[in-house]
């Protein structure tokens, strides 16, 4: 089987930065814990757990004997104020590109502009972003736009992992309802290049494997983008999921595979999938 790997796949700058910070603290033997899942990848989280680095879901569960690490998706303005007011020792691993959105919103005159945030309202990144806006509206579909009343002036930001084509579609729909719009394309470059890379590889191969956490926003976007181009697209978290009777039988029909991975997928998972297909023998009965 011919194996093709997307030009851009795996860890992005923000994830590498966060993991590097934690590794430095670990080597210094500092006691640390993470507020929320550092990134949306179970393999990474389990590796951290093996080192005794766990995450908490609520600030009510803070361990005063440990330094707190802020997840890459960021936290709300209220939570940050709580940490400062209570003199909690913490390190901020929020992706700089997410922090940039916080700064953009803070600088907007919100008495003049409504803030529209395009993204998943249940995602921690969006919850954090919305906390910086006094009148923020979160939308994630054309149906959401239809519910918005006509407004004179809005400023628009996007979740960093948004599908770029979806973002353009949403902007076009919003323009019909707003007199004046200021658009900030806050989709990160890592997201853009990974999406463009999967668009290139998906039509060239018989099937595509997308590797990454099932709750990873950027990985799910890669999967959906690829699926539109190549219906034979599969989303897995790790190579062991490929040891599946139904999948193996389907692979017998294919001669080429394209492999990509989300921005929070560790390089070893990407390598394991490549090795799996290099060693795959499909000339015998399965």
Protein backbone atom coordinates (compact mmCIF):
# COMPACT_ATOMS: atom_id res chain seq x y z
CA UNK A 1 0.00 0.00 0.00
CA UNK A 2 1.26 3.47 -0.89
CA UNK A 3 1.46 5.80 2.11
CA UNK A 4 1.21 9.58 1.89
CA UNK A 5 1.53 11.94 4.86
CA UNK A 6 0.06 15.44 4.85
CA UNK A 7 2.69 18.18 4.55
CA UNK A 8 1.52 19.68 7.85
CA UNK A 9 0.32 17.41 10.64
CA UNK A 10 0.66 16.96 14.38
CA UNK A 11 1.73 19.28 17.19
CA UNK A 12 1.36 23.02 16.65
CA UNK A 13 3.39 25.80 18.26
CA UNK A 14 0.93 26.37 21.12
CA UNK A 15 0.90 22.70 22.13
CA UNK A 16 4.69 22.39 21.93
CA UNK A 17 5.03 25.51 24.06
CA UNK A 18 2.67 24.19 26.75
CA UNK A 19 4.32 20.77 26.91
CA UNK A 20 7.78 22.35 27.04
CA UNK A 21 6.69 24.51 29.98
CA UNK A 22 5.39 21.48 31.87
CA UNK A 23 8.51 19.45 31.10
CA UNK A 24 10.73 22.23 32.46
CA UNK A 25 8.73 22.39 35.69
CA UNK A 26 8.72 18.60 35.97
CA UNK A 27 12.48 18.44 35.59
CA UNK A 28 12.78 20.99 38.39
CA UNK A 29 10.66 18.58 40.46
CA UNK A 30 7.94 21.16 41.02
CA UNK A 31 4.55 19.91 42.13
CA UNK A 32 2.07 20.92 39.43
CA UNK A 33 -1.48 20.33 38.30
CA UNK A 34 -3.40 21.55 35.28
CA UNK A 35 -6.68 23.45 35.25
CA UNK A 36 -8.75 21.58 32.68
CA UNK A 37 -7.36 19.24 30.06
CA UNK A 38 -4.08 20.77 28.89
CA UNK A 39 -4.92 19.71 25.33
CA UNK A 40 -7.59 17.45 23.90
CA UNK A 41 -5.57 14.28 23.46
CA UNK A 42 -5.89 11.26 25.74
CA UNK A 43 -2.42 9.91 24.97
CA UNK A 44 -0.80 13.14 26.13
CA UNK A 45 -3.02 13.35 29.21
CA UNK A 46 -2.17 9.77 30.20
CA UNK A 47 1.53 10.45 29.76
CA UNK A 48 1.20 13.42 32.10
CA UNK A 49 -0.71 11.29 34.61
CA UNK A 50 2.15 8.77 34.62
CA UNK A 51 4.38 11.63 35.78
CA UNK A 52 1.91 12.48 38.53
CA UNK A 53 0.58 15.52 36.68
CA UNK A 54 -3.21 15.45 36.82
CA UNK A 55 -5.85 18.01 35.90
CA UNK A 56 -8.73 19.49 37.88
CA UNK A 57 -12.11 20.51 36.46
CA UNK A 58 -12.91 23.16 39.05
CA UNK A 59 -10.95 25.81 40.94
CA UNK A 60 -12.74 24.54 44.03
CA UNK A 61 -10.43 21.51 43.78
CA UNK A 62 -7.21 23.53 43.84
CA UNK A 63 -4.30 21.94 45.69
CA UNK A 64 -2.53 24.78 47.49
CA UNK A 65 0.65 22.72 47.59
CA UNK A 66 0.87 22.60 43.79
CA UNK A 67 1.53 25.17 41.10
CA UNK A 68 -1.40 25.50 38.72
CA UNK A 69 -0.93 25.31 34.94
CA UNK A 70 -3.53 27.05 32.77
CA UNK A 71 -4.61 24.90 29.82
CA UNK A 72 -3.84 25.89 26.22
CA UNK A 73 -7.47 26.91 25.60
CA UNK A 74 -7.32 29.60 28.29
CA UNK A 75 -9.63 30.45 31.16
CA UNK A 76 -12.31 33.07 31.72
CA UNK A 77 -11.52 36.58 32.88
CA UNK A 78 -13.38 35.86 36.11
CA UNK A 79 -11.29 32.77 36.79
CA UNK A 80 -8.06 34.67 36.15
CA UNK A 81 -9.16 37.37 38.58
CA UNK A 82 -9.94 34.71 41.17
CA UNK A 83 -6.43 33.27 40.88
CA UNK A 84 -4.85 36.69 41.33
CA UNK A 85 -7.10 37.75 44.18
CA UNK A 86 -6.37 34.53 46.04
CA UNK A 87 -2.63 34.65 45.35
CA UNK A 88 -2.69 31.29 43.58
CA UNK A 89 0.70 30.37 42.15
CA UNK A 90 0.21 29.59 38.47
CA UNK A 91 1.84 29.43 35.04
CA UNK A 92 -0.17 30.40 31.96
CA UNK A 93 0.12 27.86 29.12
CA UNK A 94 -2.69 29.49 27.12
CA UNK A 95 -1.83 29.51 23.43
CA UNK A 96 -0.56 33.00 22.54
CA UNK A 97 -2.95 33.09 19.58
CA UNK A 98 -5.89 32.54 21.93
CA UNK A 99 -4.58 35.28 24.24
CA UNK A 100 -4.38 37.54 21.18
CA UNK A 101 -8.16 37.20 20.75
CA UNK A 102 -8.67 38.25 24.38
CA UNK A 103 -6.55 41.36 23.69
CA UNK A 104 -8.45 42.15 20.47
CA UNK A 105 -11.78 42.10 22.31
CA UNK A 106 -10.43 44.21 25.17
CA UNK A 107 -9.34 46.90 22.70
CA UNK A 108 -12.67 47.06 20.87
CA UNK A 109 -15.02 49.87 21.92
CA UNK A 110 -17.85 47.63 23.07
CA UNK A 111 -20.18 50.58 23.59
CA UNK A 112 -20.07 51.06 19.81
CA UNK A 113 -19.67 47.47 18.60
CA UNK A 114 -21.41 44.23 19.40
CA UNK A 115 -19.02 41.29 19.56
CA UNK A 116 -19.82 38.22 17.48
CA UNK A 117 -17.76 35.11 18.24
CA UNK A 118 -17.93 32.28 15.71
CA UNK A 119 -17.30 28.92 17.35
CA UNK A 120 -18.56 26.19 19.66
CA UNK A 121 -20.15 27.79 22.74
CA UNK A 122 -19.35 24.67 24.81
CA UNK A 123 -15.63 24.68 23.99
CA UNK A 124 -13.35 26.04 26.77
CA UNK A 125 -11.61 28.38 24.31
CA UNK A 126 -14.91 30.04 23.39
CA UNK A 127 -16.03 30.27 27.02
CA UNK A 128 -12.80 32.09 27.82
CA UNK A 129 -13.09 34.41 24.80
CA UNK A 130 -16.71 35.31 25.54
CA UNK A 131 -15.81 36.33 29.11
CA UNK A 132 -13.85 39.28 27.72
CA UNK A 133 -16.90 40.70 25.94
CA UNK A 134 -19.66 42.64 27.66
CA UNK A 135 -22.23 41.81 25.00
CA UNK A 136 -20.72 38.87 23.13
CA UNK A 137 -22.88 36.65 20.94
CA UNK A 138 -21.62 33.15 20.13
CA UNK A 139 -22.83 31.66 16.86
CA UNK A 140 -21.92 28.43 15.10
CA UNK A 141 -24.42 27.97 12.26
CA UNK A 142 -26.41 29.80 9.61
CA UNK A 143 -29.48 29.14 11.76
CA UNK A 144 -27.83 31.08 14.59
CA UNK A 145 -27.32 34.03 12.26
CA UNK A 146 -31.00 34.02 11.30
CA UNK A 147 -31.85 34.57 14.98
CA UNK A 148 -29.67 37.68 15.25
CA UNK A 149 -31.47 41.03 15.06
CA UNK A 150 -30.16 43.59 12.57
CA UNK A 151 -27.39 45.66 14.11
CA UNK A 152 -25.48 48.78 13.09
CA UNK A 153 -21.97 47.73 13.99
CA UNK A 154 -20.27 44.49 15.00
CA UNK A 155 -16.76 43.15 15.44
CA UNK A 156 -16.22 39.48 14.58
CA UNK A 157 -13.65 37.02 15.90
CA UNK A 158 -13.35 33.26 15.34
CA UNK A 159 -12.35 30.19 17.31
CA UNK A 160 -8.71 29.49 16.42
CA UNK A 161 -9.56 25.99 15.13
CA UNK A 162 -12.49 26.96 12.92
CA UNK A 163 -12.86 25.57 9.40
CA UNK A 164 -11.71 28.43 7.15
CA UNK A 165 -14.36 27.72 4.49
CA UNK A 166 -17.05 27.67 7.17
CA UNK A 167 -15.76 31.01 8.50
CA UNK A 168 -16.09 32.61 5.04
CA UNK A 169 -19.60 31.20 4.67
CA UNK A 170 -20.63 32.61 8.06
CA UNK A 171 -19.16 36.03 7.29
CA UNK A 172 -21.07 36.21 4.00
CA UNK A 173 -24.33 35.45 5.82
CA UNK A 174 -23.64 37.97 8.59
CA UNK A 175 -23.01 40.79 6.09
CA UNK A 176 -26.67 40.69 5.08
CA UNK A 177 -27.76 41.70 8.58
CA UNK A 178 -25.14 44.21 9.70
CA UNK A 179 -24.47 47.76 8.48
CA UNK A 180 -20.82 47.95 9.54
CA UNK A 181 -18.57 44.96 10.21
CA UNK A 182 -14.99 44.75 11.48
CA UNK A 183 -13.60 41.26 10.85
CA UNK A 184 -10.69 39.72 12.71
CA UNK A 185 -9.65 36.45 11.12
CA UNK A 186 -8.33 34.79 14.28
CA UNK A 187 -8.11 31.26 12.88
CA UNK A 188 -4.53 30.27 13.66
CA UNK A 189 -2.01 29.54 10.90
CA UNK A 190 -1.46 26.00 12.20
CA UNK A 191 -5.15 25.30 11.66
CA UNK A 192 -5.13 26.85 8.18
CA UNK A 193 -2.08 24.97 6.90
CA UNK A 194 -3.31 21.64 8.26
CA UNK A 195 -6.68 22.15 6.61
CA UNK A 196 -5.07 23.09 3.29
CA UNK A 197 -2.73 20.08 3.53
CA UNK A 198 -5.61 17.62 4.01
CA UNK A 199 -7.47 19.22 1.09
CA UNK A 200 -4.46 18.42 -1.11
CA UNK A 201 -3.97 14.85 0.01
CA UNK A 202 -7.59 13.64 0.34
CA UNK A 203 -8.42 13.54 -3.42
CA UNK A 204 -5.15 11.77 -4.29
CA UNK A 205 -5.60 8.65 -2.15
CA UNK A 206 -8.10 5.82 -1.74
CA UNK A 207 -8.72 6.62 1.91
CA UNK A 208 -7.62 9.00 4.66
CA UNK A 209 -6.75 8.44 8.31
CA UNK A 210 -7.15 11.45 10.60
CA UNK A 211 -5.41 10.99 13.96
CA UNK A 212 -6.38 12.94 17.07
CA UNK A 213 -8.59 13.24 20.11
CA UNK A 214 -12.30 12.63 19.56
CA UNK A 215 -12.96 15.84 21.54
CA UNK A 216 -10.30 17.83 19.69
CA UNK A 217 -11.91 20.67 17.76
CA UNK A 218 -9.16 21.07 15.19
CA UNK A 219 -8.97 17.30 14.58
CA UNK A 220 -12.72 17.05 14.05
CA UNK A 221 -12.51 19.89 11.54
CA UNK A 222 -9.78 18.01 9.61
CA UNK A 223 -11.97 14.90 9.60
CA UNK A 224 -15.05 16.73 8.27
CA UNK A 225 -13.04 18.59 5.62
CA UNK A 226 -11.47 15.35 4.40
CA UNK A 227 -14.77 13.47 4.54
CA UNK A 228 -16.37 15.97 2.13
CA UNK A 229 -13.57 15.33 -0.37
CA UNK A 230 -12.97 11.64 0.27
CA UNK A 231 -15.88 9.66 1.81
CA UNK A 232 -13.40 6.98 2.88
CA UNK A 233 -12.07 9.06 5.75
CA UNK A 234 -11.59 7.58 9.24
CA UNK A 235 -10.98 9.38 12.54
CA UNK A 236 -8.92 7.51 15.13
CA UNK A 237 -7.14 8.50 18.33
CA UNK A 238 -4.34 5.94 18.11
CA UNK A 239 -2.95 3.22 15.87
CA UNK A 240 -4.42 0.38 17.98
CA UNK A 241 -7.89 1.35 16.70
CA UNK A 242 -6.81 0.18 13.24
CA UNK A 243 -6.67 -3.42 14.51
CA UNK A 244 -10.33 -3.74 13.71
CA UNK A 245 -11.83 -6.59 11.66
CA UNK A 246 -14.28 -4.33 9.81
CA UNK A 247 -11.62 -1.72 9.02
CA UNK A 248 -9.06 -4.30 7.91
CA UNK A 249 -11.55 -5.79 5.49
CA UNK A 250 -12.25 -2.35 4.06
CA UNK A 251 -8.52 -1.66 3.69
CA UNK A 252 -8.32 -4.67 1.37
CA UNK A 253 -10.17 -2.60 -1.21
CA UNK A 254 -7.60 0.21 -1.16
CA UNK A 255 -4.15 0.74 -2.63
CA UNK A 256 -3.19 4.09 -1.09
CA UNK A 257 -3.68 5.90 2.22
CA UNK A 258 -3.30 9.53 3.23
CA UNK A 259 -2.42 10.27 6.86
CA UNK A 260 -2.88 13.50 8.78
CA UNK A 261 -3.10 14.49 12.44
CA UNK A 262 -4.59 17.24 14.56
CA UNK A 263 -2.53 19.96 16.22
CA UNK A 264 -2.70 18.19 19.58
CA UNK A 265 -1.64 14.77 18.28
CA UNK A 266 1.81 13.62 19.47
CA UNK A 267 4.35 12.72 16.76
CA UNK A 268 4.68 9.14 18.04
CA UNK A 269 1.00 8.48 17.24
CA UNK A 270 1.53 9.72 13.71
CA UNK A 271 4.60 7.52 13.37
CA UNK A 272 2.79 4.48 14.80
CA UNK A 273 0.06 4.77 12.16
CA UNK A 274 2.66 5.05 9.38
CA UNK A 275 4.42 1.93 10.72
CA UNK A 276 1.09 0.08 10.91
CA UNK A 277 0.44 0.59 7.21
CA UNK A 278 4.04 -0.16 6.24
CA UNK A 279 3.72 -3.53 7.97
CA UNK A 280 0.16 -4.23 6.85
CA UNK A 281 -0.26 -7.42 4.82
CA UNK A 282 -3.58 -7.70 3.07
CA UNK A 283 -2.85 -10.48 0.60
CA UNK A 284 -4.15 -13.10 3.03
CA UNK A 285 -7.64 -13.81 4.30
CA UNK A 286 -8.59 -11.59 7.24
